[in-house]
N, C-alpha and C. Protein backbone atom coordinates (compact mmCIF):
# COMPACT_ATOMS: atom_id res chain seq x y z
N MET A 1 27.15 -27.88 -21.07
CA MET A 1 28.10 -27.52 -19.91
C MET A 1 27.69 -27.93 -19.00
N LYS A 2 26.51 -27.82 -18.80
CA LYS A 2 25.67 -28.02 -17.23
C LYS A 2 26.08 -29.12 -16.53
N THR A 3 25.06 -30.24 -17.71
CA THR A 3 25.59 -32.02 -17.74
C THR A 3 26.92 -32.13 -17.18
N SER A 4 27.97 -31.83 -17.59
CA SER A 4 29.16 -32.25 -17.34
C SER A 4 29.35 -31.67 -15.74
N LEU A 5 29.32 -30.51 -15.58
CA LEU A 5 29.41 -29.86 -14.18
C LEU A 5 28.86 -30.64 -13.20
N THR A 6 27.57 -31.08 -13.49
CA THR A 6 26.70 -32.20 -12.77
C THR A 6 27.40 -33.53 -12.05
N ILE A 7 27.85 -34.20 -13.75
CA ILE A 7 28.67 -35.22 -13.57
C ILE A 7 29.95 -35.05 -12.48
N LEU A 8 31.04 -33.96 -13.26
CA LEU A 8 31.97 -33.76 -12.20
C LEU A 8 31.36 -33.28 -11.13
N ILE A 9 30.54 -32.94 -10.20
CA ILE A 9 29.99 -32.65 -8.55
C ILE A 9 29.94 -34.33 -8.16
N LEU A 10 29.27 -34.83 -8.53
CA LEU A 10 28.53 -36.03 -8.24
C LEU A 10 30.17 -37.28 -8.24
N PHE A 11 31.30 -36.80 -9.28
CA PHE A 11 31.91 -37.98 -9.20
C PHE A 11 33.15 -37.36 -8.00
N LEU A 12 32.81 -36.16 -7.71
CA LEU A 12 33.64 -35.65 -6.60
C LEU A 12 32.85 -35.80 -5.62
N THR A 13 31.53 -36.04 -5.11
CA THR A 13 30.98 -36.56 -4.07
C THR A 13 31.41 -37.90 -3.49
N SER A 14 31.05 -38.73 -4.58
CA SER A 14 31.16 -39.70 -4.49
C SER A 14 32.25 -40.24 -4.07
N ASN A 15 32.81 -39.77 -4.09
CA ASN A 15 34.83 -39.88 -3.58
C ASN A 15 34.91 -39.59 -2.48
N PHE A 16 34.09 -38.57 -2.01
CA PHE A 16 34.38 -37.74 -1.11
C PHE A 16 33.66 -38.82 0.14
N LEU A 17 32.71 -39.47 -0.06
CA LEU A 17 31.99 -40.25 0.61
C LEU A 17 32.65 -41.29 1.13
N THR A 18 32.91 -42.04 -0.12
CA THR A 18 33.68 -43.60 0.17
C THR A 18 34.99 -42.94 0.47
N ALA A 19 35.42 -42.27 0.55
CA ALA A 19 36.70 -42.50 1.36
C ALA A 19 36.63 -42.14 2.87
N GLN A 20 35.32 -41.87 3.53
CA GLN A 20 35.09 -41.68 4.82
C GLN A 20 34.80 -43.25 5.37
N VAL A 21 34.66 -44.42 4.44
CA VAL A 21 34.83 -45.73 5.28
C VAL A 21 35.96 -46.37 5.05
N GLU A 22 35.87 -46.89 6.38
CA GLU A 22 37.00 -47.93 7.02
C GLU A 22 36.65 -49.23 7.22
N GLU A 23 37.23 -50.10 6.88
CA GLU A 23 37.23 -51.58 7.31
C GLU A 23 37.51 -51.54 9.03
N LEU A 24 36.80 -52.50 9.93
CA LEU A 24 37.36 -52.59 11.02
C LEU A 24 37.29 -54.00 11.49
N SER A 25 38.50 -54.08 12.07
CA SER A 25 38.68 -55.82 12.53
C SER A 25 37.48 -56.24 13.00
N THR A 26 37.57 -57.02 13.01
CA THR A 26 36.14 -58.44 13.51
C THR A 26 36.69 -59.32 14.27
N ASP A 27 38.36 -59.97 14.46
CA ASP A 27 38.86 -60.63 15.16
C ASP A 27 38.31 -61.40 16.43
N ASN A 28 38.08 -60.44 16.85
CA ASN A 28 38.04 -60.36 18.39
C ASN A 28 37.23 -61.25 18.89
N SER A 29 36.31 -62.22 17.93
CA SER A 29 35.40 -62.83 18.43
C SER A 29 35.76 -64.50 18.16
N GLN A 30 35.59 -65.28 18.48
CA GLN A 30 35.41 -66.67 18.59
C GLN A 30 34.34 -67.74 18.79
N ILE A 31 34.10 -68.80 18.07
CA ILE A 31 33.37 -69.52 18.18
C ILE A 31 33.24 -70.50 19.63
N VAL A 32 32.56 -70.34 20.80
CA VAL A 32 32.70 -71.51 21.57
C VAL A 32 32.61 -72.62 21.16
N GLY A 33 31.07 -72.36 20.58
CA GLY A 33 30.79 -74.28 20.10
C GLY A 33 29.20 -73.57 19.48
N ILE A 34 28.86 -75.31 18.97
CA ILE A 34 27.29 -74.96 18.30
C ILE A 34 26.62 -76.21 18.29
N SER A 35 25.32 -76.14 18.76
CA SER A 35 24.52 -77.15 19.28
C SER A 35 23.81 -77.26 18.36
N LYS A 36 23.83 -78.70 17.74
CA LYS A 36 22.84 -79.34 16.82
C LYS A 36 21.63 -80.44 17.50
N TYR A 37 20.72 -80.31 16.74
CA TYR A 37 19.62 -81.43 16.73
C TYR A 37 19.14 -81.55 15.79
N PHE A 38 19.52 -83.47 15.61
CA PHE A 38 19.16 -84.12 14.59
C PHE A 38 19.88 -83.61 13.26
N GLY A 39 20.64 -83.01 13.42
CA GLY A 39 22.01 -82.31 12.28
C GLY A 39 21.43 -80.93 11.84
N ASN A 40 20.67 -80.22 12.86
CA ASN A 40 20.05 -78.85 12.40
C ASN A 40 20.81 -78.24 13.42
N GLU A 41 21.63 -76.86 12.74
CA GLU A 41 22.08 -75.78 13.76
C GLU A 41 20.39 -75.68 14.92
N THR A 42 20.72 -75.80 16.45
CA THR A 42 19.50 -74.70 17.25
C THR A 42 20.29 -73.57 17.91
N ALA A 43 21.56 -73.45 17.82
CA ALA A 43 22.26 -72.74 18.66
C ALA A 43 23.74 -72.14 18.34
N ARG A 44 24.13 -71.18 18.61
CA ARG A 44 25.92 -70.80 18.39
C ARG A 44 26.62 -70.10 19.41
N MET A 45 27.52 -69.94 20.29
CA MET A 45 28.22 -69.00 21.11
C MET A 45 28.99 -68.68 20.64
N TYR A 46 29.58 -67.61 20.40
CA TYR A 46 30.43 -66.77 20.14
C TYR A 46 31.24 -66.15 21.94
N LYS A 47 32.67 -65.84 21.62
CA LYS A 47 33.01 -65.40 22.84
C LYS A 47 33.99 -64.15 22.44
N VAL A 48 33.40 -62.96 23.16
CA VAL A 48 34.22 -61.69 22.76
C VAL A 48 34.90 -61.09 23.42
N ASP A 49 36.28 -60.08 22.99
CA ASP A 49 36.51 -59.60 24.04
C ASP A 49 36.39 -58.14 24.10
N LEU A 50 35.53 -57.72 24.93
CA LEU A 50 34.81 -56.32 24.64
C LEU A 50 35.63 -55.46 26.09
N SER A 51 36.52 -54.63 25.47
CA SER A 51 37.56 -53.69 26.29
C SER A 51 38.21 -54.30 27.52
N GLY A 52 38.62 -55.57 27.16
CA GLY A 52 39.65 -56.34 28.07
C GLY A 52 38.20 -57.53 28.52
N GLN A 53 36.88 -57.66 28.82
CA GLN A 53 35.99 -58.12 29.37
C GLN A 53 36.04 -59.53 28.52
N GLU A 54 35.61 -60.40 28.87
CA GLU A 54 34.68 -61.78 28.16
C GLU A 54 33.70 -61.46 28.06
N CYS A 55 33.01 -61.66 26.98
CA CYS A 55 31.90 -61.51 27.13
C CYS A 55 31.19 -62.21 25.77
N TYR A 56 29.62 -63.06 26.28
CA TYR A 56 29.79 -64.36 25.19
C TYR A 56 27.94 -63.64 24.64
N LEU A 57 27.63 -64.49 23.32
CA LEU A 57 26.75 -64.07 22.65
C LEU A 57 25.95 -65.77 22.51
N VAL A 58 24.98 -65.87 22.70
CA VAL A 58 24.16 -67.28 22.22
C VAL A 58 22.87 -66.45 21.29
N ALA A 59 23.77 -67.29 19.95
CA ALA A 59 22.42 -66.66 18.68
C ALA A 59 21.80 -67.79 18.11
N PHE A 60 20.41 -67.54 17.91
CA PHE A 60 19.44 -68.99 17.45
C PHE A 60 18.55 -68.20 16.58
N ASP A 61 18.34 -69.19 15.43
CA ASP A 61 17.08 -68.89 14.88
C ASP A 61 15.58 -68.88 15.77
N ASN A 62 15.31 -67.71 15.80
CA ASN A 62 13.66 -67.55 16.35
C ASN A 62 12.51 -68.95 16.22
N ASN A 63 12.07 -69.10 16.71
CA ASN A 63 11.50 -70.11 16.23
C ASN A 63 9.54 -69.72 16.45
N GLN A 64 9.82 -68.66 16.64
CA GLN A 64 8.34 -67.62 16.73
C GLN A 64 7.34 -67.00 15.12
N TYR A 65 8.54 -67.38 13.82
CA TYR A 65 8.49 -67.14 12.82
C TYR A 65 8.85 -68.53 12.14
N LYS A 66 7.64 -68.77 11.07
CA LYS A 66 7.57 -70.12 10.76
C LYS A 66 8.19 -70.11 9.27
N TYR A 67 8.14 -69.00 8.55
CA TYR A 67 8.52 -68.46 6.82
C TYR A 67 9.43 -67.66 6.73
N ILE A 68 10.37 -66.71 7.83
CA ILE A 68 11.26 -66.34 8.01
C ILE A 68 12.33 -66.36 8.61
N SER A 69 13.71 -65.62 8.35
CA SER A 69 14.95 -66.45 9.82
C SER A 69 14.75 -64.81 9.93
N ASP A 70 14.57 -65.86 11.23
CA ASP A 70 15.16 -64.08 12.23
C ASP A 70 15.86 -64.70 13.55
N VAL A 71 17.06 -64.01 13.50
CA VAL A 71 17.94 -64.81 14.06
C VAL A 71 18.37 -63.98 15.51
N LYS A 72 17.62 -64.51 16.35
CA LYS A 72 18.09 -63.72 18.03
C LYS A 72 18.94 -64.53 18.69
N GLY A 73 19.17 -63.43 20.29
CA GLY A 73 20.10 -64.28 21.17
C GLY A 73 20.24 -63.32 22.53
N PHE A 74 21.14 -63.56 22.95
CA PHE A 74 21.32 -63.07 24.55
C PHE A 74 22.26 -63.29 24.41
N SER A 75 23.26 -61.93 25.40
CA SER A 75 24.47 -61.89 25.76
C SER A 75 24.43 -61.81 27.23
N PHE A 76 25.93 -62.43 27.62
CA PHE A 76 26.22 -62.12 28.97
C PHE A 76 27.79 -62.16 28.78
N CYS A 77 28.29 -60.99 30.23
CA CYS A 77 29.82 -60.98 30.30
C CYS A 77 30.09 -61.73 31.67
N ASN A 78 31.39 -62.41 32.05
CA ASN A 78 32.13 -63.10 32.37
C ASN A 78 32.27 -62.99 33.48
N LEU A 79 31.30 -62.25 34.47
CA LEU A 79 31.93 -61.76 35.67
C LEU A 79 32.37 -62.44 36.83
N ASN A 80 31.41 -62.84 37.18
CA ASN A 80 31.26 -63.95 38.30
C ASN A 80 31.28 -65.21 38.12
N ASN A 81 31.79 -65.60 37.18
CA ASN A 81 31.95 -66.61 37.05
C ASN A 81 30.89 -67.28 36.34
N ASP A 82 30.21 -66.39 35.61
CA ASP A 82 28.64 -66.59 34.91
C ASP A 82 28.56 -67.75 33.67
N PHE A 83 29.61 -67.69 33.04
CA PHE A 83 30.18 -68.72 31.90
C PHE A 83 29.52 -69.99 32.60
N GLU A 84 30.18 -70.24 33.47
CA GLU A 84 30.35 -71.79 34.34
C GLU A 84 29.21 -72.15 35.54
N ASN A 85 28.41 -70.67 35.82
CA ASN A 85 27.48 -70.60 36.52
C ASN A 85 26.29 -70.74 35.42
N LEU A 86 26.08 -70.12 34.62
CA LEU A 86 24.95 -70.28 33.21
C LEU A 86 24.60 -72.21 33.10
N PHE A 87 25.99 -72.54 32.49
CA PHE A 87 25.87 -73.87 32.18
C PHE A 87 25.48 -74.81 33.27
N ASP A 88 26.32 -74.75 34.15
CA ASP A 88 25.56 -75.69 35.38
C ASP A 88 23.59 -75.36 35.57
N GLY A 89 23.62 -74.49 35.88
CA GLY A 89 22.42 -74.61 36.05
C GLY A 89 21.42 -74.38 35.15
N ILE A 90 21.77 -74.54 33.79
CA ILE A 90 21.18 -75.22 32.71
C ILE A 90 20.64 -76.51 33.40
N ALA A 91 21.80 -77.30 33.35
CA ALA A 91 22.52 -78.68 33.42
C ALA A 91 21.59 -78.96 34.38
N GLU A 92 21.69 -78.23 35.93
CA GLU A 92 21.10 -78.60 37.03
C GLU A 92 19.43 -79.39 36.60
N GLY A 93 18.55 -78.36 35.72
CA GLY A 93 17.06 -78.52 34.75
C GLY A 93 17.31 -79.95 34.85
N PHE A 94 18.09 -80.30 33.96
CA PHE A 94 18.08 -81.70 33.41
C PHE A 94 18.13 -82.54 34.89
N LYS A 95 19.47 -82.47 35.72
CA LYS A 95 19.12 -83.01 36.70
C LYS A 95 18.15 -83.28 37.58
N ASN A 96 17.54 -81.98 37.51
CA ASN A 96 16.18 -82.47 38.23
C ASN A 96 14.78 -82.15 38.01
N LYS A 97 14.71 -82.53 36.56
CA LYS A 97 13.69 -82.97 36.23
C LYS A 97 12.84 -81.55 36.36
N ALA A 98 13.16 -80.75 35.94
CA ALA A 98 12.48 -79.04 36.03
C ALA A 98 11.86 -78.78 34.95
N LYS A 99 10.70 -78.28 35.21
CA LYS A 99 9.83 -77.95 33.97
C LYS A 99 11.18 -76.59 32.89
N GLU A 100 11.22 -75.84 34.11
CA GLU A 100 11.84 -74.66 33.60
C GLU A 100 12.40 -73.91 34.76
N LYS A 101 13.25 -73.50 34.16
CA LYS A 101 14.36 -72.45 35.25
C LYS A 101 14.62 -71.10 34.30
N LYS A 102 14.57 -70.00 34.96
CA LYS A 102 14.66 -68.53 34.64
C LYS A 102 16.32 -67.95 35.41
N PHE A 103 16.59 -67.22 34.20
CA PHE A 103 17.92 -66.46 34.48
C PHE A 103 18.02 -64.79 34.32
N LYS A 104 18.36 -64.01 34.64
CA LYS A 104 18.70 -62.63 34.80
C LYS A 104 20.26 -62.65 33.82
N VAL A 105 19.74 -61.99 32.46
CA VAL A 105 21.13 -62.12 31.43
C VAL A 105 20.96 -60.47 31.32
N ARG A 106 21.94 -60.07 31.04
CA ARG A 106 22.62 -58.85 30.42
C ARG A 106 21.10 -58.05 29.87
N ASP A 107 20.82 -58.42 29.09
CA ASP A 107 19.96 -57.96 28.28
C ASP A 107 17.84 -58.33 27.88
N GLY A 108 18.05 -58.76 29.68
CA GLY A 108 16.42 -59.44 29.75
C GLY A 108 16.55 -60.62 30.33
N GLN A 109 15.47 -61.76 30.01
CA GLN A 109 15.30 -62.80 31.18
C GLN A 109 15.42 -63.83 29.61
N LEU A 110 16.24 -65.05 30.34
CA LEU A 110 16.37 -66.44 29.70
C LEU A 110 15.47 -67.08 30.62
N THR A 111 14.25 -67.87 29.74
CA THR A 111 13.91 -68.78 30.58
C THR A 111 14.15 -70.04 29.98
N VAL A 112 14.60 -70.97 30.35
CA VAL A 112 14.64 -72.55 29.80
C VAL A 112 13.93 -73.43 30.36
N LYS A 113 13.66 -74.29 29.29
CA LYS A 113 12.35 -74.91 29.44
C LYS A 113 12.56 -76.51 28.63
N TYR A 114 12.25 -77.30 30.04
CA TYR A 114 12.62 -78.81 29.62
C TYR A 114 11.57 -79.41 29.00
N ALA A 115 11.82 -80.35 28.40
CA ALA A 115 10.67 -81.50 27.75
C ALA A 115 11.80 -82.64 26.85
N MET A 116 10.91 -83.91 27.05
CA MET A 116 11.74 -84.82 27.12
C MET A 116 12.99 -84.81 26.42
N GLY A 117 14.02 -84.90 27.45
CA GLY A 117 15.03 -84.66 27.42
C GLY A 117 15.82 -83.76 26.42
N THR A 118 15.08 -82.58 26.44
CA THR A 118 16.00 -81.45 25.49
C THR A 118 15.69 -80.25 26.39
N CYS A 119 15.76 -79.08 25.72
CA CYS A 119 15.87 -77.68 26.44
C CYS A 119 15.68 -76.82 25.08
N GLN A 120 14.60 -75.66 25.43
CA GLN A 120 14.44 -74.56 24.48
C GLN A 120 15.05 -73.11 25.28
N PHE A 121 15.51 -72.22 25.01
CA PHE A 121 15.43 -70.78 25.75
C PHE A 121 14.77 -70.17 24.89
N TRP A 122 13.89 -69.47 25.83
CA TRP A 122 13.04 -68.82 25.75
C TRP A 122 13.73 -67.44 26.09
N PHE A 123 13.98 -66.40 25.11
CA PHE A 123 14.62 -65.03 25.68
C PHE A 123 13.69 -63.72 25.77
N VAL A 124 13.12 -63.42 26.92
CA VAL A 124 12.67 -61.57 26.53
C VAL A 124 13.61 -60.55 26.79
N SER A 125 13.51 -59.96 25.94
CA SER A 125 14.75 -58.96 25.91
C SER A 125 13.78 -57.83 26.85
N LYS A 126 14.54 -56.92 26.96
CA LYS A 126 14.00 -55.71 27.90
C LYS A 126 12.99 -54.92 27.70
N ALA A 127 12.57 -54.78 26.06
CA ALA A 127 11.76 -54.38 25.53
C ALA A 127 10.44 -55.35 24.87
N GLY A 128 10.42 -56.17 25.77
CA GLY A 128 9.50 -57.39 25.88
C GLY A 128 9.42 -58.00 24.48
N ILE A 129 10.43 -58.11 23.70
CA ILE A 129 10.30 -58.86 22.82
C ILE A 129 10.53 -60.46 22.67
N VAL A 130 9.82 -61.44 22.61
CA VAL A 130 9.95 -63.31 22.84
C VAL A 130 10.67 -63.60 21.87
N SER A 131 11.69 -64.66 21.84
CA SER A 131 12.05 -65.43 20.81
C SER A 131 12.42 -66.65 21.39
N SER A 132 12.42 -67.67 20.79
CA SER A 132 12.61 -69.20 21.37
C SER A 132 13.58 -69.52 20.25
N SER A 133 13.90 -70.86 21.00
CA SER A 133 15.08 -71.60 20.38
C SER A 133 14.86 -73.06 20.05
N GLY A 134 15.36 -73.36 18.70
CA GLY A 134 15.27 -74.82 18.93
C GLY A 134 15.46 -75.79 20.02
N ASN A 135 15.16 -77.12 19.72
CA ASN A 135 15.28 -78.20 20.75
C ASN A 135 16.78 -78.61 20.75
N ILE A 136 17.65 -78.49 21.95
CA ILE A 136 18.80 -78.44 22.37
C ILE A 136 18.76 -79.73 23.52
N SER A 137 19.80 -80.99 22.89
CA SER A 137 19.68 -81.92 23.72
C SER A 137 20.85 -81.65 24.90
N LYS A 138 20.87 -82.67 26.13
CA LYS A 138 21.84 -82.04 26.50
C LYS A 138 23.04 -82.23 25.59
N LYS A 139 23.70 -83.14 24.95
CA LYS A 139 25.31 -83.32 24.15
C LYS A 139 25.64 -81.75 23.45
N GLY A 140 24.30 -81.17 23.11
CA GLY A 140 23.87 -80.09 22.06
C GLY A 140 24.31 -78.54 23.47
N LEU A 141 23.86 -78.94 24.57
CA LEU A 141 24.30 -77.94 25.20
C LEU A 141 25.46 -77.66 25.81
N ALA A 142 25.91 -79.04 26.58
CA ALA A 142 27.10 -79.32 26.46
C ALA A 142 28.48 -79.10 25.34
N GLN A 143 28.24 -79.12 23.99
CA GLN A 143 28.50 -78.40 22.77
C GLN A 143 28.74 -77.44 22.76
N LEU A 144 27.51 -76.62 22.73
CA LEU A 144 27.74 -74.93 22.56
C LEU A 144 28.11 -74.40 23.84
N PHE A 145 28.58 -74.71 24.79
CA PHE A 145 29.55 -74.51 26.01
C PHE A 145 31.00 -74.78 25.79
N GLY A 146 30.86 -75.38 24.53
CA GLY A 146 32.42 -76.11 24.35
C GLY A 146 33.07 -76.67 25.53
N LYS A 147 32.02 -77.80 25.93
CA LYS A 147 32.47 -78.85 26.62
C LYS A 147 32.37 -80.41 26.01
N LYS A 148 33.03 -81.21 26.83
CA LYS A 148 32.83 -81.89 26.46
C LYS A 148 31.99 -82.57 27.19
N PHE A 149 30.67 -83.75 26.33
CA PHE A 149 29.71 -84.27 27.67
C PHE A 149 30.15 -85.28 27.93
N ASN A 150 29.48 -84.81 29.08
CA ASN A 150 29.63 -86.10 30.57
C ASN A 150 28.20 -86.35 31.10
N LYS A 151 27.78 -87.41 30.84
CA LYS A 151 26.47 -87.72 32.07
C LYS A 151 26.29 -87.25 32.89
N LYS A 152 27.48 -87.59 33.96
CA LYS A 152 27.22 -87.09 35.27
C LYS A 152 27.12 -85.43 35.36
N ASP A 153 27.09 -84.51 34.71
CA ASP A 153 26.59 -83.23 34.41
C ASP A 153 25.66 -83.13 34.43
N PHE A 154 24.81 -84.16 33.76
CA PHE A 154 23.29 -83.87 33.82
C PHE A 154 22.81 -84.90 34.72
C-alpha cells in the first residue's frame, strides 16, 4: 500500500512538473555569415531581433583552450549604424597595416589583432574573461558580415 501511494505521488508530480514546460520559438535569429580559414570555421555571425532592435552576435571557438570546445562571442546592437561601422573599422586596420584596433562593444572590449593578412578577435568581457578567435582572412571577414569580398574594402 505504501509503495502504491509513493508511485502514485511520483506519477502525479512528474506530470505536474512537465506540464509547466513550454517550447519557445527560436525563429527570430538568422545567420549573417560564416568565416572560414583553410576550410575551418573561425567565426559565425547571427542577426537577432530583440524587441524590434536589430542586434548581432559573433560567436567563435575560444582558442585559449587546446583540448576542450569553448564557444565564446560578443554582441552589439545596430544603434548608430554600428554594423557597418564595425566592419569598416576592422577593414581599415587591414588598409592601414595596423597591429591592432580596439572597439567598445555591448558586453566588453573587442581587440582586433592583425598579422600576415589575417586578423583575430580578442574579446575581454566586462567580467575580465579573455577569449580569442582563430585567424580570419580579409575574405573571411567579408563573409562573416554577409558581404561580397571586394579588395577595395581592404
